[in-house]
Amino acid sequence: MKAAPDPDASGKPADDAHLVETRLDSMQILKGNFLHAMRDTVALPDGTQATREYVVHPGAVMIVALCDDGRIVLERQYRYPVQAVMVEFPAGKLDPGEDSLACAQRELLEETGYTASEWARAGVLHPVISYSTEFIDIWFARGLMLGPRKLDAGEFLDVFTTTPAQLLAWCAGGEVTDAKTLTGALWLQNVLSGAWALDWQPTGS
């Protein structure tokens, strides 16, 4: 096997070729309504072969919505795979060809009834890198105005507001275990402390 190259000043190797797996063959094993399961044969860095099973996901957005009084918008929603009601930031999947910001604005309105006068893209997270292509764009919203929700058919969730401190306490205590919401809480904490900056843009700009 090729030896790992010496790292650069940041501690990251300059060349990751010694880690890369190369696809040799690919087979779809399940085609769902929006998720597809694949089984690929790959060549490993040492020349041997292995199989990789993973789920193809269209991508999603998550919204950290900031109220004028300093509270944040959260949801409680039953998640069937884990058989539990989860506390989460508003989120939703991208429609085919949909712009990420347009999706964030649509999902915030549909799920919570809020619109926002300013938006900032914070970054991206990959919640399950071992078995899914899913990515979630993280958006912050402020200048909120509340109107009627537009829930999809068959969608049931409660919307509420709380303080960042309460959310962090729930994260620390294990009441919040949703990966995207834990990541959102980290981002929120650093934004509020001034450690991480956001580039706010007016809606429609």
Protein backbone atom coordinates (compact mmCIF):
# COMPACT_ATOMS: atom_id res chain seq x y z
CA MET A 1 0.00 0.00 0.00
CA LYS A 2 1.20 3.51 -0.79
CA ALA A 3 2.44 5.35 2.28
CA ALA A 4 0.60 8.44 3.44
CA PRO A 5 2.32 11.67 2.39
CA ASP A 6 3.66 14.07 4.97
CA PRO A 7 1.00 16.53 6.16
CA ASP A 8 1.09 20.24 5.37
CA ALA A 9 1.15 22.98 8.01
CA SER A 10 -2.56 22.46 8.77
CA GLY A 11 -2.00 18.78 9.56
CA LYS A 12 -3.86 17.60 6.45
CA PRO A 13 -1.97 15.42 3.94
CA ALA A 14 -1.37 17.18 0.62
CA ASP A 15 -2.48 14.10 -1.34
CA ASP A 16 -5.34 11.76 -0.37
CA ALA A 17 -4.75 9.20 -3.13
CA HIS A 18 -3.74 6.56 -0.58
CA LEU A 19 -7.30 6.70 0.86
CA VAL A 20 -9.45 6.86 -2.29
CA GLU A 21 -11.70 3.96 -3.35
CA THR A 22 -12.44 3.57 -7.07
CA ARG A 23 -15.82 2.41 -8.36
CA LEU A 24 -15.63 -0.67 -10.58
CA ASP A 25 -19.30 -1.56 -10.90
CA SER A 26 -22.64 -0.17 -9.69
CA MET A 27 -26.05 -1.78 -9.24
CA GLN A 28 -29.33 -0.25 -8.08
CA ILE A 29 -30.93 -2.53 -5.49
CA LEU A 30 -33.95 -0.37 -4.56
CA LYS A 31 -35.77 2.50 -6.26
CA GLY A 32 -38.08 4.32 -3.85
CA ASN A 33 -40.20 7.44 -4.17
CA PHE A 34 -37.20 9.69 -3.49
CA LEU A 35 -34.49 7.40 -2.05
CA HIS A 36 -32.49 4.90 -4.09
CA ALA A 37 -30.26 2.16 -2.65
CA MET A 38 -27.09 1.22 -4.52
CA ARG A 39 -24.49 -1.54 -4.24
CA ASP A 40 -21.12 -0.71 -5.77
CA THR A 41 -18.00 -2.80 -6.19
CA VAL A 42 -14.90 -0.75 -5.45
CA ALA A 43 -11.15 -1.15 -5.64
CA LEU A 44 -9.51 -0.36 -2.30
CA PRO A 45 -6.21 1.53 -1.99
CA ASP A 46 -4.34 -1.76 -1.46
CA GLY A 47 -5.73 -3.25 -4.70
CA THR A 48 -8.33 -5.56 -3.13
CA GLN A 49 -12.06 -5.25 -3.80
CA ALA A 50 -15.05 -4.59 -1.54
CA THR A 51 -18.74 -3.72 -1.84
CA ARG A 52 -20.31 -0.47 -0.68
CA GLU A 53 -24.06 -0.16 -0.11
CA TYR A 54 -25.45 3.35 0.21
CA VAL A 55 -28.56 5.48 -0.23
CA VAL A 56 -28.76 8.19 -2.88
CA HIS A 57 -30.54 11.24 -1.43
CA PRO A 58 -31.51 14.45 -3.31
CA GLY A 59 -30.19 16.76 -0.59
CA ALA A 60 -31.98 19.01 1.87
CA VAL A 61 -31.94 22.30 3.76
CA MET A 62 -32.19 23.24 7.44
CA ILE A 63 -33.22 26.64 8.75
CA VAL A 64 -32.04 28.27 11.97
CA ALA A 65 -34.73 30.96 12.28
CA LEU A 66 -33.97 33.79 14.72
CA CYS A 67 -36.86 35.68 16.32
CA ASP A 68 -36.51 39.38 17.14
CA ASP A 69 -36.66 38.59 20.89
CA GLY A 70 -33.67 36.24 20.65
CA ARG A 71 -35.66 33.02 20.64
CA ILE A 72 -35.36 30.39 17.90
CA VAL A 73 -37.94 28.41 15.96
CA LEU A 74 -38.08 24.64 16.51
CA GLU A 75 -40.39 21.78 15.67
CA ARG A 76 -41.58 18.57 17.29
CA GLN A 77 -42.23 15.81 14.76
CA TYR A 78 -42.70 12.05 14.92
CA ARG A 79 -39.97 10.24 13.01
CA TYR A 80 -41.09 6.76 12.09
CA PRO A 81 -37.67 5.06 11.65
CA VAL A 82 -36.71 5.83 15.27
CA GLN A 83 -40.31 5.58 16.59
CA ALA A 84 -40.02 8.85 18.52
CA VAL A 85 -41.06 12.49 18.53
CA MET A 86 -37.93 14.54 17.83
CA VAL A 87 -37.07 18.19 18.50
CA GLU A 88 -35.62 19.65 15.31
CA PHE A 89 -34.86 22.78 13.37
CA PRO A 90 -37.20 23.23 10.37
CA ALA A 91 -35.87 21.31 7.37
CA GLY A 92 -36.88 19.64 4.14
CA LYS A 93 -35.59 18.00 1.01
CA LEU A 94 -34.77 19.71 -2.25
CA ASP A 95 -37.16 19.25 -5.16
CA PRO A 96 -35.54 18.34 -8.50
CA GLY A 97 -33.69 21.38 -9.84
CA GLU A 98 -34.69 23.55 -6.88
CA ASP A 99 -32.36 26.30 -5.66
CA SER A 100 -31.18 25.81 -2.07
CA LEU A 101 -32.35 29.22 -0.81
CA ALA A 102 -35.71 28.86 -2.54
CA CYS A 103 -36.11 25.50 -0.83
CA ALA A 104 -35.23 26.99 2.57
CA GLN A 105 -37.75 29.80 2.11
CA ARG A 106 -40.42 27.35 0.96
CA GLU A 107 -39.85 24.90 3.80
CA LEU A 108 -39.82 27.58 6.49
CA LEU A 109 -43.14 28.96 5.25
CA GLU A 110 -44.78 25.58 4.71
CA GLU A 111 -43.76 24.05 8.04
CA THR A 112 -43.84 27.05 10.38
CA GLY A 113 -45.74 29.89 8.67
CA TYR A 114 -42.73 32.21 9.01
CA THR A 115 -41.20 34.31 6.27
CA ALA A 116 -37.90 36.18 6.75
CA SER A 117 -36.53 39.48 5.50
CA GLU A 118 -32.88 38.35 5.59
CA TRP A 119 -31.09 35.08 4.90
CA ALA A 120 -27.54 33.81 5.28
CA ARG A 121 -26.07 30.50 4.13
CA ALA A 122 -23.89 29.16 6.92
CA GLY A 123 -22.51 25.99 5.35
CA VAL A 124 -23.26 22.36 4.65
CA LEU A 125 -23.35 19.16 6.68
CA HIS A 126 -23.25 15.50 5.68
CA PRO A 127 -25.31 13.68 8.34
CA VAL A 128 -24.63 10.04 7.43
CA ILE A 129 -21.40 9.85 5.42
CA SER A 130 -21.03 6.08 5.87
CA TYR A 131 -24.14 5.10 3.92
CA SER A 132 -25.80 8.09 2.22
CA THR A 133 -25.05 10.85 -0.28
CA GLU A 134 -27.29 13.21 1.70
CA PHE A 135 -26.13 16.77 2.29
CA ILE A 136 -27.98 19.50 4.19
CA ASP A 137 -27.42 23.18 3.45
CA ILE A 138 -27.58 25.25 6.65
CA TRP A 139 -29.46 28.54 6.38
CA PHE A 140 -30.03 31.26 8.98
CA ALA A 141 -33.09 33.50 8.76
CA ARG A 142 -34.05 36.66 10.63
CA GLY A 143 -36.59 39.46 10.40
CA LEU A 144 -39.37 36.92 10.84
CA MET A 145 -43.05 37.50 10.13
CA LEU A 146 -45.62 34.87 11.09
CA GLY A 147 -48.46 33.82 8.80
CA PRO A 148 -50.43 30.65 8.09
CA ARG A 149 -48.62 27.36 7.62
CA LYS A 150 -48.91 25.35 4.40
CA LEU A 151 -48.24 21.78 5.55
CA ASP A 152 -48.08 19.00 3.01
CA ALA A 153 -50.81 16.36 3.08
CA GLY A 154 -49.97 13.80 5.75
CA GLU A 155 -47.50 16.13 7.52
CA PHE A 156 -48.04 16.63 11.26
CA LEU A 157 -45.73 18.72 13.44
CA ASP A 158 -45.79 21.24 16.28
CA VAL A 159 -43.95 24.55 15.99
CA PHE A 160 -42.63 26.40 19.03
CA THR A 161 -39.95 28.89 20.05
CA THR A 162 -37.36 28.62 22.77
CA THR A 163 -34.10 30.22 23.84
CA PRO A 164 -30.71 29.15 22.51
CA ALA A 165 -29.71 28.34 26.09
CA GLN A 166 -32.62 25.93 26.44
CA LEU A 167 -31.76 24.21 23.15
CA LEU A 168 -28.15 23.78 24.26
CA ALA A 169 -29.34 22.33 27.57
CA TRP A 170 -31.49 19.81 25.69
CA CYS A 171 -28.50 18.91 23.51
CA ALA A 172 -26.27 18.44 26.56
CA GLY A 173 -28.92 16.39 28.35
CA GLY A 174 -29.65 14.05 25.47
CA GLU A 175 -33.18 15.28 24.82
CA VAL A 176 -32.06 16.46 21.36
CA THR A 177 -30.30 13.74 19.37
CA ASP A 178 -31.11 14.70 15.78
CA ALA A 179 -27.77 15.14 13.97
CA LYS A 180 -28.73 18.20 11.93
CA THR A 181 -30.16 19.97 14.98
CA LEU A 182 -27.03 19.24 17.03
CA THR A 183 -24.96 20.72 14.19
CA GLY A 184 -27.32 23.69 13.98
CA ALA A 185 -26.94 24.27 17.72
CA LEU A 186 -23.15 24.32 17.34
CA TRP A 187 -23.41 26.81 14.49
CA LEU A 188 -25.90 28.95 16.42
CA GLN A 189 -23.68 29.05 19.50
CA ASN A 190 -20.69 30.24 17.47
CA VAL A 191 -22.71 32.79 15.49
CA LEU A 192 -24.18 34.29 18.67
CA SER A 193 -20.75 34.47 20.31
CA GLY A 194 -19.30 36.25 17.28
CA ALA A 195 -16.82 33.46 16.56
CA TRP A 196 -18.42 32.59 13.22
CA ALA A 197 -19.63 35.34 10.88
CA LEU A 198 -22.58 35.24 8.50
CA ASP A 199 -23.10 37.14 5.26
CA TRP A 200 -26.71 38.34 5.54
CA GLN A 201 -28.62 39.15 2.36
CA PRO A 202 -32.10 40.69 2.00
CA THR A 203 -34.79 38.37 0.70
CA GLY A 204 -34.95 38.57 -3.08
CA SER A 205 -31.41 39.89 -3.53
